[in-house]
Amino acid sequence: MRREDFDWPVVRFSFTIFIVLLLISSALVTGSLMFKKDMLKEYTMNKSRFNSISQKYLTVDEDEEIIRQYYPEFITLYKKGFVGREHRLNWIETLRASSERVKLP
């Protein structure tokens, strides 16, 4: 085939359409890759947040179980006076009063 046998306007139009479609498809592929990167970043951030919240929830759950386990023992010790309000101030006042009566320096 010789160069003069080609229908150049038709070939030129088809080639132009091909180039335009190639540019559009490469823009779409680039855009989708950028979107994927952004979504992966957001997914990683949300997964990290979820893991942090889950860990806090599990910690609260464990703390609740410990409270449930040791609360009866605490109440028993509180009623016996081993745990609860401290009476150090009363002891100090009593010791000072005793030292004044006995005349200790």
C-alpha atoms as a PDB file:
ATOM      1  CA  MET A   1       0.000   0.000   0.000  1.00  0.00           C
ATOM      2  CA  ARG A   2       1.188   3.331  -0.898  1.00  0.00           C
ATOM      3  CA  ARG A   3       0.882   6.436   1.127  1.00  0.00           C
ATOM      4  CA  GLU A   4      -1.537   7.964  -1.317  1.00  0.00           C
ATOM      5  CA  ASP A   5      -3.944   5.031  -0.942  1.00  0.00           C
ATOM      6  CA  PHE A   6      -4.751   5.831   2.715  1.00  0.00           C
ATOM      7  CA  ASP A   7      -7.796   7.842   3.579  1.00  0.00           C
ATOM      8  CA  TRP A   8      -5.920  10.255   5.842  1.00  0.00           C
ATOM      9  CA  PRO A   9      -8.865  12.228   7.242  1.00  0.00           C
ATOM     10  CA  VAL A  10     -10.472   9.012   8.520  1.00  0.00           C
ATOM     11  CA  VAL A  11      -7.195   7.683   9.939  1.00  0.00           C
ATOM     12  CA  ARG A  12      -6.380  11.056  11.505  1.00  0.00           C
ATOM     13  CA  PHE A  13      -9.829  11.225  13.142  1.00  0.00           C
ATOM     14  CA  SER A  14      -9.506   7.658  14.489  1.00  0.00           C
ATOM     15  CA  PHE A  15      -5.999   8.336  15.747  1.00  0.00           C
ATOM     16  CA  THR A  16      -7.170  11.551  17.462  1.00  0.00           C
ATOM     17  CA  ILE A  17     -10.046   9.693  19.132  1.00  0.00           C
ATOM     18  CA  PHE A  18      -7.602   6.979  20.237  1.00  0.00           C
ATOM     19  CA  ILE A  19      -5.224   9.543  21.799  1.00  0.00           C
ATOM     20  CA  VAL A  20      -8.102  11.355  23.570  1.00  0.00           C
ATOM     21  CA  LEU A  21      -9.450   8.082  24.952  1.00  0.00           C
ATOM     22  CA  LEU A  22      -5.946   7.053  26.011  1.00  0.00           C
ATOM     23  CA  LEU A  23      -5.544  10.332  27.932  1.00  0.00           C
ATOM     24  CA  ILE A  24      -8.970   9.950  29.564  1.00  0.00           C
ATOM     25  CA  SER A  25      -8.279   6.346  30.585  1.00  0.00           C
ATOM     26  CA  SER A  26      -4.871   7.218  32.026  1.00  0.00           C
ATOM     27  CA  ALA A  27      -6.472  10.104  33.967  1.00  0.00           C
ATOM     28  CA  LEU A  28      -9.100   7.692  35.323  1.00  0.00           C
ATOM     29  CA  VAL A  29      -6.462   5.132  36.323  1.00  0.00           C
ATOM     30  CA  THR A  30      -4.377   7.826  38.024  1.00  0.00           C
ATOM     31  CA  GLY A  31      -7.449   9.152  39.835  1.00  0.00           C
ATOM     32  CA  SER A  32      -8.456   5.685  40.997  1.00  0.00           C
ATOM     33  CA  LEU A  33      -4.942   5.009  42.313  1.00  0.00           C
ATOM     34  CA  MET A  34      -4.986   8.288  44.234  1.00  0.00           C
ATOM     35  CA  PHE A  35      -8.445   7.451  45.601  1.00  0.00           C
ATOM     36  CA  LYS A  36      -7.230   3.998  46.645  1.00  0.00           C
ATOM     37  CA  LYS A  37      -4.253   5.545  48.449  1.00  0.00           C
ATOM     38  CA  ASP A  38      -6.526   7.975  50.315  1.00  0.00           C
ATOM     39  CA  MET A  39      -8.957   5.214  51.269  1.00  0.00           C
ATOM     40  CA  LEU A  40      -6.122   2.993  52.485  1.00  0.00           C
ATOM     41  CA  LYS A  41      -4.823   5.836  54.641  1.00  0.00           C
ATOM     42  CA  GLU A  42      -8.304   6.447  56.071  1.00  0.00           C
ATOM     43  CA  TYR A  43      -8.801   2.706  56.658  1.00  0.00           C
ATOM     44  CA  THR A  44      -5.501   2.459  58.532  1.00  0.00           C
ATOM     45  CA  MET A  45      -6.386   5.454  60.682  1.00  0.00           C
ATOM     46  CA  ASN A  46      -9.872   4.116  61.495  1.00  0.00           C
ATOM     47  CA  LYS A  47      -8.550   0.628  62.217  1.00  0.00           C
ATOM     48  CA  SER A  48      -6.003   2.094  64.624  1.00  0.00           C
ATOM     49  CA  ARG A  49      -8.757   4.089  66.330  1.00  0.00           C
ATOM     50  CA  PHE A  50     -10.948   0.984  66.532  1.00  0.00           C
ATOM     51  CA  ASN A  51      -8.128  -1.067  68.074  1.00  0.00           C
ATOM     52  CA  SER A  52      -7.479   1.665  70.637  1.00  0.00           C
ATOM     53  CA  ILE A  53     -11.148   1.870  71.614  1.00  0.00           C
ATOM     54  CA  SER A  54     -11.418  -1.928  71.735  1.00  0.00           C
ATOM     55  CA  GLN A  55      -8.412  -2.098  74.042  1.00  0.00           C
ATOM     56  CA  LYS A  56      -9.937   0.520  76.344  1.00  0.00           C
ATOM     57  CA  TYR A  57     -13.211  -1.405  76.394  1.00  0.00           C
ATOM     58  CA  LEU A  58     -11.427  -4.651  77.269  1.00  0.00           C
ATOM     59  CA  THR A  59      -9.545  -2.866  80.054  1.00  0.00           C
ATOM     60  CA  VAL A  60     -12.818  -1.550  81.485  1.00  0.00           C
ATOM     61  CA  ASP A  61     -14.301  -5.031  81.235  1.00  0.00           C
ATOM     62  CA  GLU A  62     -11.329  -6.517  83.113  1.00  0.00           C
ATOM     63  CA  ASP A  63     -11.542  -3.785  85.767  1.00  0.00           C
ATOM     64  CA  GLU A  64     -15.229  -4.516  86.237  1.00  0.00           C
ATOM     65  CA  GLU A  65     -14.474  -8.214  86.715  1.00  0.00           C
ATOM     66  CA  ILE A  66     -11.794  -7.395  89.316  1.00  0.00           C
ATOM     67  CA  ILE A  67     -14.232  -5.148  91.187  1.00  0.00           C
ATOM     68  CA  ARG A  68     -16.883  -7.860  91.092  1.00  0.00           C
ATOM     69  CA  GLN A  69     -14.351 -10.379  92.405  1.00  0.00           C
ATOM     70  CA  TYR A  70     -12.869  -8.327  95.275  1.00  0.00           C
ATOM     71  CA  TYR A  71     -15.819  -6.141  96.342  1.00  0.00           C
ATOM     72  CA  PRO A  72     -17.222  -8.613  98.924  1.00  0.00           C
ATOM     73  CA  GLU A  73     -13.792  -8.931 100.557  1.00  0.00           C
ATOM     74  CA  PHE A  74     -13.450  -5.139 100.605  1.00  0.00           C
ATOM     75  CA  ILE A  75     -16.835  -4.753 102.321  1.00  0.00           C
ATOM     76  CA  THR A  76     -15.816  -7.321 104.934  1.00  0.00           C
ATOM     77  CA  LEU A  77     -12.537  -5.495 105.634  1.00  0.00           C
ATOM     78  CA  TYR A  78     -14.347  -2.141 105.705  1.00  0.00           C
ATOM     79  CA  LYS A  79     -16.827  -3.393 108.293  1.00  0.00           C
ATOM     80  CA  LYS A  80     -13.947  -4.716 110.425  1.00  0.00           C
ATOM     81  CA  GLY A  81     -12.230  -1.326 110.233  1.00  0.00           C
ATOM     82  CA  PHE A  82      -9.137  -2.409 108.303  1.00  0.00           C
ATOM     83  CA  VAL A  83     -10.098  -0.298 105.313  1.00  0.00           C
ATOM     84  CA  GLY A  84     -11.864   3.033 105.296  1.00  0.00           C
ATOM     85  CA  ARG A  85     -11.488   6.370 106.988  1.00  0.00           C
ATOM     86  CA  GLU A  86      -8.218   6.839 108.728  1.00  0.00           C
ATOM     87  CA  HIS A  87      -8.214   8.176 112.252  1.00  0.00           C
ATOM     88  CA  ARG A  88      -4.646   9.475 112.289  1.00  0.00           C
ATOM     89  CA  LEU A  89      -5.763  12.951 113.293  1.00  0.00           C
ATOM     90  CA  ASN A  90      -7.609  11.528 116.278  1.00  0.00           C
ATOM     91  CA  TRP A  91      -4.489   9.577 117.262  1.00  0.00           C
ATOM     92  CA  ILE A  92      -2.297  12.670 116.988  1.00  0.00           C
ATOM     93  CA  GLU A  93      -4.701  14.719 119.114  1.00  0.00           C
ATOM     94  CA  THR A  94      -4.864  11.936 121.683  1.00  0.00           C
ATOM     95  CA  LEU A  95      -1.062  11.667 121.828  1.00  0.00           C
ATOM     96  CA  ARG A  96      -0.685  15.452 122.206  1.00  0.00           C
ATOM     97  CA  ALA A  97      -3.254  15.533 124.976  1.00  0.00           C
ATOM     98  CA  SER A  98      -1.483  12.657 126.726  1.00  0.00           C
ATOM     99  CA  SER A  99       1.900  14.350 126.405  1.00  0.00           C
ATOM    100  CA  GLU A 100       0.503  17.566 127.901  1.00  0.00           C
ATOM    101  CA  ARG A 101      -0.934  15.661 130.850  1.00  0.00           C
ATOM    102  CA  VAL A 102       2.307  13.799 131.439  1.00  0.00           C
ATOM    103  CA  LYS A 103       4.373  16.927 130.652  1.00  0.00           C
ATOM    104  CA  LEU A 104       6.566  15.396 127.941  1.00  0.00           C
ATOM    105  CA  PRO A 105       8.804  17.819 126.008  1.00  0.00           C
END
